[in-house]
Structures are given as C-alpha cells and as structure tokens.
Amino acid sequence: MFYMYSRFAYQSAQKVTSLFGEASSIQQELGCPPDKAEVVSNGIRFEKFSGVPEKESNGWIDIGAVVRVAPIKDLKTLLYTFARLKQEVPETRLHIMGGIDNEEYFEECQALIGFLGLEDVTFTGYVNITEYMAQLDFTVLTSISEGQPLALIESMAAKRPVVATNVGACRELIEGGKEDRLGDAGFCVPPMDQSGLLRAMVEMCQNVKKRKKMGRVGQRRAETYYKESQMVANYQRVYEKAIQRWQASDLN
C-alpha cells in the first residue's frame, strides 16, 4: 500500500525532494522519475552554534546525546556501552538532553541504569542546547533510524565531533559526500553494535588531538553545506523548477 501511494504521489508531483542522496535513490527505486528528484539538505542557523566556546577543562569528559527519550533512539545500547566505557575511562559523564516521548521506555532506561549500577548519567529534559553544548566534549547518537538529524549538524557547527550510528544521512554528515574532502567529523558505527560504539567512544575520549581536529572539520562542513540560508535558497530553486514544469505541462 505504501509503495502504491508513493508511486501515485511521484507521478503527480512536479518535483520530489529528499534530505540526502541515499533517500533520493530510494525514492527513485520506488518509482520517482530521476528528473523530478531533488536533494535539499537540512540547514541550521550556523552562527547560533559556531559561537559556542570550547569547553573549559574540568577533569571530566562530558558526552552529550541530544535525543527524544524513545525506543527508536536506542538509549539502552548507549547505556550498556557507557557502562563499559566507565570501566576504561572512569572520568566520563553522560548527559541525555531531550523530552520524554515514551514514559515506559524512560522507566526501562532508569531501571537499566540501576541494574548496571551506573553513575554520572543525567537526563536533563529540555534545555537550551547552545548553552549546554559549552559543557560538552563530544556528542553521540545511537538511533536505529534517522533522516538527516539536526542534532548532528548542530553539534558539528559547535565544533563538537560526533559518534553516530550508520543510519539515514549520518555517515554522509560525518565523512562527507562525494565532492567533500574535508575529512572525518567523528566516527560512524553500525546500529546496536556495542563493541564498535565502545571503540569509537574510547578513541574520542583518549585522543584529544584527534577529537579537536574532528571538531574543526565538522564545523567547516556545517558552514559549507548546512546553513539555513542555503536550505532556503535551494527550496526556492526547487519551487521555481516545479512551477516551470507545471507551466510546460499546462501548455502541452
């Protein structure tokens, strides 16, 4: 049924947008004519995040996760991995920033924290992300499904490198697209892979020089490709093309 609806929508539309290249390829596999497909990436207010100061040294490595508390964000894998990380790097703290979408899942996460005997995990609820980012060394996203997460782009703009699962556009955000030679802005690991996630987080904690270099790369990538002004201009271009196609089809 979904595929049928998709084909009807694609046939009727003048233009079809997606957030990243792989999503556009999937649309085309589902029946979208390639000449209708257009990629328009998310954009953020870069200046809002680029002004976040570097974290002042306090003897801790502070890790942030800007997420809704919901099963799709797979916080349980993050908590299991953080328990292992604490054994290797005791001076770490985890800050989970976001609202509670699923109360039952939140209670399960709290029970897991108790079961693991975990300390230094904070659920902050809603916070001012730009202010809180100043307290963080890097961020992590363990989702099992994503599109093109704004949380990663915002973290990159704030010069905070990221560790994220290979879902949606995460790999492209971290490693760059085909024409992007800036370098890596963090690490990308398979979903639900505790060992891979642990290795990435340990490396991020212990290799300060690499962490800071990745932060600089991420900020340059966010500034180059993911500014709000660019997104608005790209949508304007898409609308103009859609109107041109409509006018041409109307004349025919």
C-alpha atoms as a PDB file:
ATOM      1  CA  MET A   1       0.000   0.000   0.000  1.00  0.00           C
ATOM      2  CA  PHE A   2       2.836   2.376   0.852  1.00  0.00           C
ATOM      3  CA  TYR A   3       4.567   1.684  -2.453  1.00  0.00           C
ATOM      4  CA  MET A   4       1.310   2.318  -4.356  1.00  0.00           C
ATOM      5  CA  TYR A   5       0.740   5.649  -2.596  1.00  0.00           C
ATOM      6  CA  SER A   6       4.356   6.613  -3.267  1.00  0.00           C
ATOM      7  CA  ARG A   7       4.089   5.906  -6.986  1.00  0.00           C
ATOM      8  CA  PHE A   8       0.880   7.959  -7.272  1.00  0.00           C
ATOM      9  CA  ALA A   9       2.488  10.848  -5.407  1.00  0.00           C
ATOM     10  CA  TYR A  10       5.650  10.746  -7.514  1.00  0.00           C
ATOM     11  CA  GLN A  11       3.649  10.628 -10.772  1.00  0.00           C
ATOM     12  CA  SER A  12       1.521  13.612  -9.752  1.00  0.00           C
ATOM     13  CA  ALA A  13       4.297  15.796  -8.338  1.00  0.00           C
ATOM     14  CA  GLN A  14       6.230  18.354 -10.360  1.00  0.00           C
ATOM     15  CA  LYS A  15       9.304  17.951  -8.123  1.00  0.00           C
ATOM     16  CA  VAL A  16      10.184  15.477  -5.346  1.00  0.00           C
ATOM     17  CA  THR A  17      12.646  16.439  -2.628  1.00  0.00           C
ATOM     18  CA  SER A  18      14.669  14.430  -0.146  1.00  0.00           C
ATOM     19  CA  LEU A  19      17.196  15.358   2.522  1.00  0.00           C
ATOM     20  CA  PHE A  20      20.156  13.311   1.270  1.00  0.00           C
ATOM     21  CA  GLY A  21      21.351  11.295  -1.679  1.00  0.00           C
ATOM     22  CA  GLU A  22      20.531   7.800  -0.442  1.00  0.00           C
ATOM     23  CA  ALA A  23      16.954   8.822   0.340  1.00  0.00           C
ATOM     24  CA  SER A  24      16.617  10.195  -3.189  1.00  0.00           C
ATOM     25  CA  SER A  25      17.886   6.889  -4.599  1.00  0.00           C
ATOM     26  CA  ILE A  26      15.232   5.026  -2.588  1.00  0.00           C
ATOM     27  CA  GLN A  27      12.538   7.353  -3.926  1.00  0.00           C
ATOM     28  CA  GLN A  28      13.678   6.619  -7.458  1.00  0.00           C
ATOM     29  CA  GLU A  29      13.626   2.875  -6.765  1.00  0.00           C
ATOM     30  CA  LEU A  30      10.019   3.297  -5.630  1.00  0.00           C
ATOM     31  CA  GLY A  31       9.075   4.908  -8.922  1.00  0.00           C
ATOM     32  CA  CYS A  32      10.093   8.577  -8.813  1.00  0.00           C
ATOM     33  CA  PRO A  33      11.387   9.721 -12.232  1.00  0.00           C
ATOM     34  CA  PRO A  34      15.030  10.792 -11.804  1.00  0.00           C
ATOM     35  CA  ASP A  35      14.420  14.172 -13.456  1.00  0.00           C
ATOM     36  CA  LYS A  36      11.890  15.022 -10.734  1.00  0.00           C
ATOM     37  CA  ALA A  37      14.196  14.100  -7.851  1.00  0.00           C
ATOM     38  CA  GLU A  38      15.989  16.881  -5.998  1.00  0.00           C
ATOM     39  CA  VAL A  39      18.153  16.755  -2.836  1.00  0.00           C
ATOM     40  CA  VAL A  40      17.694  19.658  -0.407  1.00  0.00           C
ATOM     41  CA  SER A  41      19.632  19.189   2.812  1.00  0.00           C
ATOM     42  CA  ASN A  42      18.607  20.477   6.210  1.00  0.00           C
ATOM     43  CA  GLY A  43      20.015  23.794   7.294  1.00  0.00           C
ATOM     44  CA  ILE A  44      20.697  25.358  10.680  1.00  0.00           C
ATOM     45  CA  ARG A  45      21.429  28.833  11.986  1.00  0.00           C
ATOM     46  CA  PHE A  46      25.141  28.267  11.870  1.00  0.00           C
ATOM     47  CA  GLU A  47      26.135  31.422  13.731  1.00  0.00           C
ATOM     48  CA  LYS A  48      23.978  30.380  16.693  1.00  0.00           C
ATOM     49  CA  PHE A  49      26.135  27.297  17.267  1.00  0.00           C
ATOM     50  CA  SER A  50      29.513  28.356  15.884  1.00  0.00           C
ATOM     51  CA  GLY A  51      29.815  30.850  18.709  1.00  0.00           C
ATOM     52  CA  VAL A  52      29.682  28.161  21.409  1.00  0.00           C
ATOM     53  CA  PRO A  53      33.002  28.392  23.277  1.00  0.00           C
ATOM     54  CA  GLU A  54      35.330  25.457  23.729  1.00  0.00           C
ATOM     55  CA  LYS A  55      34.721  23.543  26.930  1.00  0.00           C
ATOM     56  CA  GLU A  56      36.873  24.550  29.838  1.00  0.00           C
ATOM     57  CA  SER A  57      38.921  21.686  31.279  1.00  0.00           C
ATOM     58  CA  ASN A  58      37.336  20.314  34.464  1.00  0.00           C
ATOM     59  CA  GLY A  59      38.823  16.850  34.810  1.00  0.00           C
ATOM     60  CA  TRP A  60      35.806  15.200  33.161  1.00  0.00           C
ATOM     61  CA  ILE A  61      34.993  14.110  29.638  1.00  0.00           C
ATOM     62  CA  ASP A  62      31.388  15.150  29.101  1.00  0.00           C
ATOM     63  CA  ILE A  63      29.393  13.338  26.442  1.00  0.00           C
ATOM     64  CA  GLY A  64      26.059  14.645  25.188  1.00  0.00           C
ATOM     65  CA  ALA A  65      23.135  12.911  23.486  1.00  0.00           C
ATOM     66  CA  VAL A  66      20.538  15.317  22.104  1.00  0.00           C
ATOM     67  CA  VAL A  67      17.597  12.953  21.683  1.00  0.00           C
ATOM     68  CA  ARG A  68      13.970  12.294  22.471  1.00  0.00           C
ATOM     69  CA  VAL A  69      13.623   9.506  25.028  1.00  0.00           C
ATOM     70  CA  ALA A  70      12.033   6.932  22.729  1.00  0.00           C
ATOM     71  CA  PRO A  71      12.854   3.359  21.626  1.00  0.00           C
ATOM     72  CA  ILE A  72      13.924   4.439  18.129  1.00  0.00           C
ATOM     73  CA  LYS A  73      16.827   6.368  19.705  1.00  0.00           C
ATOM     74  CA  ASP A  74      18.106   3.112  21.265  1.00  0.00           C
ATOM     75  CA  LEU A  75      19.284   4.634  24.522  1.00  0.00           C
ATOM     76  CA  LYS A  76      19.663   1.167  26.010  1.00  0.00           C
ATOM     77  CA  THR A  77      22.592   0.412  23.709  1.00  0.00           C
ATOM     78  CA  LEU A  78      24.069   3.758  24.729  1.00  0.00           C
ATOM     79  CA  LEU A  79      23.663   2.966  28.438  1.00  0.00           C
ATOM     80  CA  TYR A  80      25.141  -0.528  28.127  1.00  0.00           C
ATOM     81  CA  THR A  81      28.088   0.917  26.211  1.00  0.00           C
ATOM     82  CA  PHE A  82      28.560   3.784  28.639  1.00  0.00           C
ATOM     83  CA  ALA A  83      28.768   1.245  31.491  1.00  0.00           C
ATOM     84  CA  ARG A  84      31.651  -0.416  29.644  1.00  0.00           C
ATOM     85  CA  LEU A  85      33.210   2.965  28.850  1.00  0.00           C
ATOM     86  CA  LYS A  86      33.251   3.879  32.555  1.00  0.00           C
ATOM     87  CA  GLN A  87      35.418   0.825  33.215  1.00  0.00           C
ATOM     88  CA  GLU A  88      38.029   2.046  30.709  1.00  0.00           C
ATOM     89  CA  VAL A  89      37.638   5.804  31.134  1.00  0.00           C
ATOM     90  CA  PRO A  90      36.177   6.454  34.609  1.00  0.00           C
ATOM     91  CA  GLU A  91      36.233  10.243  34.283  1.00  0.00           C
ATOM     92  CA  THR A  92      33.315  10.324  31.838  1.00  0.00           C
ATOM     93  CA  ARG A  93      29.809  11.717  32.243  1.00  0.00           C
ATOM     94  CA  LEU A  94      26.769  11.251  30.013  1.00  0.00           C
ATOM     95  CA  HIS A  95      24.156  13.972  29.513  1.00  0.00           C
ATOM     96  CA  ILE A  96      20.928  12.914  27.757  1.00  0.00           C
ATOM     97  CA  MET A  97      19.157  16.069  26.598  1.00  0.00           C
ATOM     98  CA  GLY A  98      15.580  15.951  25.371  1.00  0.00           C
ATOM     99  CA  GLY A  99      11.970  15.366  26.266  1.00  0.00           C
ATOM    100  CA  ILE A 100      10.381  12.063  27.257  1.00  0.00           C
ATOM    101  CA  ASP A 101       8.297  10.772  24.349  1.00  0.00           C
ATOM    102  CA  ASN A 102       7.720   7.346  25.862  1.00  0.00           C
ATOM    103  CA  GLU A 103       7.311   7.199  29.636  1.00  0.00           C
ATOM    104  CA  GLU A 104       7.501   3.401  29.749  1.00  0.00           C
ATOM    105  CA  TYR A 105      10.792   3.416  27.830  1.00  0.00           C
ATOM    106  CA  PHE A 106      12.157   6.108  30.148  1.00  0.00           C
ATOM    107  CA  GLU A 107      11.329   3.937  33.163  1.00  0.00           C
ATOM    108  CA  GLU A 108      13.044   0.974  31.493  1.00  0.00           C
ATOM    109  CA  CYS A 109      16.157   3.105  30.946  1.00  0.00           C
ATOM    110  CA  GLN A 110      16.109   4.171  34.583  1.00  0.00           C
ATOM    111  CA  ALA A 111      15.788   0.545  35.661  1.00  0.00           C
ATOM    112  CA  LEU A 112      18.722  -0.367  33.403  1.00  0.00           C
ATOM    113  CA  ILE A 113      20.841   2.363  34.986  1.00  0.00           C
ATOM    114  CA  GLY A 114      20.067   0.859  38.384  1.00  0.00           C
ATOM    115  CA  PHE A 115      20.762  -2.675  37.179  1.00  0.00           C
ATOM    116  CA  LEU A 116      24.133  -1.629  35.755  1.00  0.00           C
ATOM    117  CA  GLY A 117      24.996   0.391  38.840  1.00  0.00           C
ATOM    118  CA  LEU A 118      25.695   3.348  36.577  1.00  0.00           C
ATOM    119  CA  GLU A 119      26.716   6.728  37.888  1.00  0.00           C
ATOM    120  CA  ASP A 120      27.227  10.051  36.126  1.00  0.00           C
ATOM    121  CA  VAL A 121      24.215   9.726  33.815  1.00  0.00           C
ATOM    122  CA  THR A 122      21.879  12.729  33.708  1.00  0.00           C
ATOM    123  CA  PHE A 123      18.540  13.072  31.936  1.00  0.00           C
ATOM    124  CA  THR A 124      18.284  16.834  31.634  1.00  0.00           C
ATOM    125  CA  GLY A 125      14.888  17.142  29.971  1.00  0.00           C
ATOM    126  CA  TYR A 126      14.515  20.112  27.646  1.00  0.00           C
ATOM    127  CA  VAL A 127      17.440  22.520  27.889  1.00  0.00           C
ATOM    128  CA  ASN A 128      18.934  25.379  25.919  1.00  0.00           C
ATOM    129  CA  ILE A 129      21.162  23.299  23.643  1.00  0.00           C
ATOM    130  CA  THR A 130      23.523  26.100  22.668  1.00  0.00           C
ATOM    131  CA  GLU A 131      24.193  26.908  26.328  1.00  0.00           C
ATOM    132  CA  TYR A 132      24.526  23.267  27.355  1.00  0.00           C
ATOM    133  CA  MET A 133      26.840  22.492  24.429  1.00  0.00           C
ATOM    134  CA  ALA A 134      29.544  24.574  26.108  1.00  0.00           C
ATOM    135  CA  GLN A 135      29.771  21.861  28.782  1.00  0.00           C
ATOM    136  CA  LEU A 136      30.361  19.015  26.307  1.00  0.00           C
ATOM    137  CA  ASP A 137      33.432  17.451  24.702  1.00  0.00           C
ATOM    138  CA  PHE A 138      31.571  15.472  22.028  1.00  0.00           C
ATOM    139  CA  THR A 139      28.132  14.081  21.254  1.00  0.00           C
ATOM    140  CA  VAL A 140      26.715  10.653  20.464  1.00  0.00           C
ATOM    141  CA  LEU A 141      23.648   9.396  18.600  1.00  0.00           C
ATOM    142  CA  THR A 142      22.691   5.701  18.763  1.00  0.00           C
ATOM    143  CA  SER A 143      19.432   5.738  16.778  1.00  0.00           C
ATOM    144  CA  ILE A 144      18.243   2.717  14.818  1.00  0.00           C
ATOM    145  CA  SER A 145      16.556   5.006  12.274  1.00  0.00           C
ATOM    146  CA  GLU A 146      17.141   8.624  11.268  1.00  0.00           C
ATOM    147  CA  GLY A 147      16.722  11.016   8.381  1.00  0.00           C
ATOM    148  CA  GLN A 148      19.252  13.822   8.448  1.00  0.00           C
ATOM    149  CA  PRO A 149      19.447  14.627  12.169  1.00  0.00           C
ATOM    150  CA  LEU A 150      19.721  18.297  13.060  1.00  0.00           C
ATOM    151  CA  ALA A 151      21.360  17.307  16.351  1.00  0.00           C
ATOM    152  CA  LEU A 152      24.449  16.114  14.463  1.00  0.00           C
ATOM    153  CA  ILE A 153      24.673  19.229  12.310  1.00  0.00           C
ATOM    154  CA  GLU A 154      24.277  21.490  15.348  1.00  0.00           C
ATOM    155  CA  SER A 155      26.970  19.574  17.222  1.00  0.00           C
ATOM    156  CA  MET A 156      29.308  19.886  14.250  1.00  0.00           C
ATOM    157  CA  ALA A 157      28.632  23.623  13.969  1.00  0.00           C
ATOM    158  CA  ALA A 158      29.562  23.958  17.655  1.00  0.00           C
ATOM    159  CA  LYS A 159      32.888  22.234  16.894  1.00  0.00           C
ATOM    160  CA  ARG A 160      31.841  19.121  18.843  1.00  0.00           C
ATOM    161  CA  PRO A 161      32.700  15.890  16.994  1.00  0.00           C
ATOM    162  CA  VAL A 162      30.118  13.127  16.879  1.00  0.00           C
ATOM    163  CA  VAL A 163      29.813   9.383  17.265  1.00  0.00           C
ATOM    164  CA  ALA A 164      26.727   8.135  15.438  1.00  0.00           C
ATOM    165  CA  THR A 165      25.170   5.000  14.045  1.00  0.00           C
ATOM    166  CA  ASN A 166      25.202   4.387  10.311  1.00  0.00           C
ATOM    167  CA  VAL A 167      21.557   5.233   9.650  1.00  0.00           C
ATOM    168  CA  GLY A 168      19.973   7.831   7.399  1.00  0.00           C
ATOM    169  CA  ALA A 169      22.419  10.582   6.476  1.00  0.00           C
ATOM    170  CA  CYS A 170      24.711  10.116   9.494  1.00  0.00           C
ATOM    171  CA  ARG A 171      27.648   8.678   7.565  1.00  0.00           C
ATOM    172  CA  GLU A 172      27.419  11.423   4.957  1.00  0.00           C
ATOM    173  CA  LEU A 173      27.350  14.081   7.678  1.00  0.00           C
ATOM    174  CA  ILE A 174      30.368  12.586   9.440  1.00  0.00           C
ATOM    175  CA  GLU A 175      32.510  11.597   6.456  1.00  0.00           C
ATOM    176  CA  GLY A 176      31.236  13.984   3.798  1.00  0.00           C
ATOM    177  CA  GLY A 177      29.704  13.457   0.368  1.00  0.00           C
ATOM    178  CA  LYS A 178      31.391  12.539  -2.892  1.00  0.00           C
ATOM    179  CA  GLU A 179      32.845  16.006  -3.506  1.00  0.00           C
ATOM    180  CA  ASP A 180      33.665  16.717   0.150  1.00  0.00           C
ATOM    181  CA  ARG A 181      37.352  16.319   1.005  1.00  0.00           C
ATOM    182  CA  LEU A 182      37.280  17.963   4.422  1.00  0.00           C
ATOM    183  CA  GLY A 183      37.840  14.750   6.390  1.00  0.00           C
ATOM    184  CA  ASP A 184      36.013  12.983   9.206  1.00  0.00           C
ATOM    185  CA  ALA A 185      33.955  14.863  11.786  1.00  0.00           C
ATOM    186  CA  GLY A 186      33.678  11.836  14.067  1.00  0.00           C
ATOM    187  CA  PHE A 187      33.014   8.109  13.926  1.00  0.00           C
ATOM    188  CA  CYS A 188      30.183   6.140  12.307  1.00  0.00           C
ATOM    189  CA  VAL A 189      29.340   2.672  13.680  1.00  0.00           C
ATOM    190  CA  PRO A 190      26.689   0.023  12.924  1.00  0.00           C
ATOM    191  CA  PRO A 191      23.391   0.307  14.833  1.00  0.00           C
ATOM    192  CA  MET A 192      23.168  -1.656  18.111  1.00  0.00           C
ATOM    193  CA  ASP A 193      26.891  -2.523  17.905  1.00  0.00           C
ATOM    194  CA  GLN A 194      28.077  -2.034  21.485  1.00  0.00           C
ATOM    195  CA  SER A 195      31.670  -3.041  20.753  1.00  0.00           C
ATOM    196  CA  GLY A 196      32.004  -0.717  17.766  1.00  0.00           C
ATOM    197  CA  LEU A 197      30.377   2.104  19.694  1.00  0.00           C
ATOM    198  CA  LEU A 198      32.681   1.498  22.650  1.00  0.00           C
ATOM    199  CA  ARG A 199      35.825   1.610  20.497  1.00  0.00           C
ATOM    200  CA  ALA A 200      34.721   4.876  18.939  1.00  0.00           C
ATOM    201  CA  MET A 201      33.871   6.468  22.281  1.00  0.00           C
ATOM    202  CA  VAL A 202      37.131   5.328  23.884  1.00  0.00           C
ATOM    203  CA  GLU A 203      39.098   6.789  20.976  1.00  0.00           C
ATOM    204  CA  MET A 204      37.152  10.026  21.238  1.00  0.00           C
ATOM    205  CA  CYS A 205      37.832  10.223  24.977  1.00  0.00           C
ATOM    206  CA  GLN A 206      41.520   9.378  24.886  1.00  0.00           C
ATOM    207  CA  ASN A 207      42.718  11.102  21.715  1.00  0.00           C
ATOM    208  CA  VAL A 208      42.203  14.788  22.481  1.00  0.00           C
ATOM    209  CA  LYS A 209      44.173  15.981  19.446  1.00  0.00           C
ATOM    210  CA  LYS A 210      42.078  13.877  17.072  1.00  0.00           C
ATOM    211  CA  ARG A 211      38.859  14.928  18.808  1.00  0.00           C
ATOM    212  CA  LYS A 212      39.644  18.604  18.358  1.00  0.00           C
ATOM    213  CA  LYS A 213      40.648  18.094  14.729  1.00  0.00           C
ATOM    214  CA  MET A 214      37.349  16.308  14.025  1.00  0.00           C
ATOM    215  CA  GLY A 215      35.530  19.166  15.708  1.00  0.00           C
ATOM    216  CA  ARG A 216      37.136  21.677  13.360  1.00  0.00           C
ATOM    217  CA  VAL A 217      36.292  19.515  10.333  1.00  0.00           C
ATOM    218  CA  GLY A 218      32.667  19.255  11.433  1.00  0.00           C
ATOM    219  CA  GLN A 219      32.349  22.990  11.858  1.00  0.00           C
ATOM    220  CA  ARG A 220      33.729  23.621   8.370  1.00  0.00           C
ATOM    221  CA  ARG A 221      31.339  21.039   6.895  1.00  0.00           C
ATOM    222  CA  ALA A 222      28.333  22.565   8.643  1.00  0.00           C
ATOM    223  CA  GLU A 223      29.302  26.023   7.437  1.00  0.00           C
ATOM    224  CA  THR A 224      29.929  24.848   3.881  1.00  0.00           C
ATOM    225  CA  TYR A 225      26.870  22.670   3.287  1.00  0.00           C
ATOM    226  CA  TYR A 226      24.256  23.006   6.017  1.00  0.00           C
ATOM    227  CA  LYS A 227      23.452  26.658   6.655  1.00  0.00           C
ATOM    228  CA  GLU A 228      19.826  27.757   6.873  1.00  0.00           C
ATOM    229  CA  SER A 229      20.299  30.371   4.163  1.00  0.00           C
ATOM    230  CA  GLN A 230      21.490  27.693   1.737  1.00  0.00           C
ATOM    231  CA  MET A 231      18.495  25.490   2.537  1.00  0.00           C
ATOM    232  CA  VAL A 232      16.064  28.365   1.885  1.00  0.00           C
ATOM    233  CA  ALA A 233      17.767  29.213  -1.416  1.00  0.00           C
ATOM    234  CA  ASN A 234      17.666  25.562  -2.505  1.00  0.00           C
ATOM    235  CA  TYR A 235      13.947  25.256  -1.746  1.00  0.00           C
ATOM    236  CA  GLN A 236      13.329  28.480  -3.655  1.00  0.00           C
ATOM    237  CA  ARG A 237      15.096  26.920  -6.625  1.00  0.00           C
ATOM    238  CA  VAL A 238      13.004  23.734  -6.308  1.00  0.00           C
ATOM    239  CA  TYR A 239       9.749  25.721  -6.256  1.00  0.00           C
ATOM    240  CA  GLU A 240      10.793  27.673  -9.334  1.00  0.00           C
ATOM    241  CA  LYS A 241      11.597  24.446 -11.199  1.00  0.00           C
ATOM    242  CA  ALA A 242       8.264  22.932 -10.121  1.00  0.00           C
ATOM    243  CA  ILE A 243       6.404  25.967 -11.465  1.00  0.00           C
ATOM    244  CA  GLN A 244       8.291  25.749 -14.746  1.00  0.00           C
ATOM    245  CA  ARG A 245       7.376  22.057 -15.115  1.00  0.00           C
ATOM    246  CA  TRP A 246       3.742  22.839 -14.307  1.00  0.00           C
ATOM    247  CA  GLN A 247       3.629  25.647 -16.834  1.00  0.00           C
ATOM    248  CA  ALA A 248       5.217  23.458 -19.511  1.00  0.00           C
ATOM    249  CA  SER A 249       2.765  20.597 -18.862  1.00  0.00           C
ATOM    250  CA  ASP A 250      -0.175  23.045 -18.865  1.00  0.00           C
ATOM    251  CA  LEU A 251       0.834  24.367 -22.276  1.00  0.00           C
ATOM    252  CA  ASN A 252       1.002  20.804 -23.605  1.00  0.00           C
END
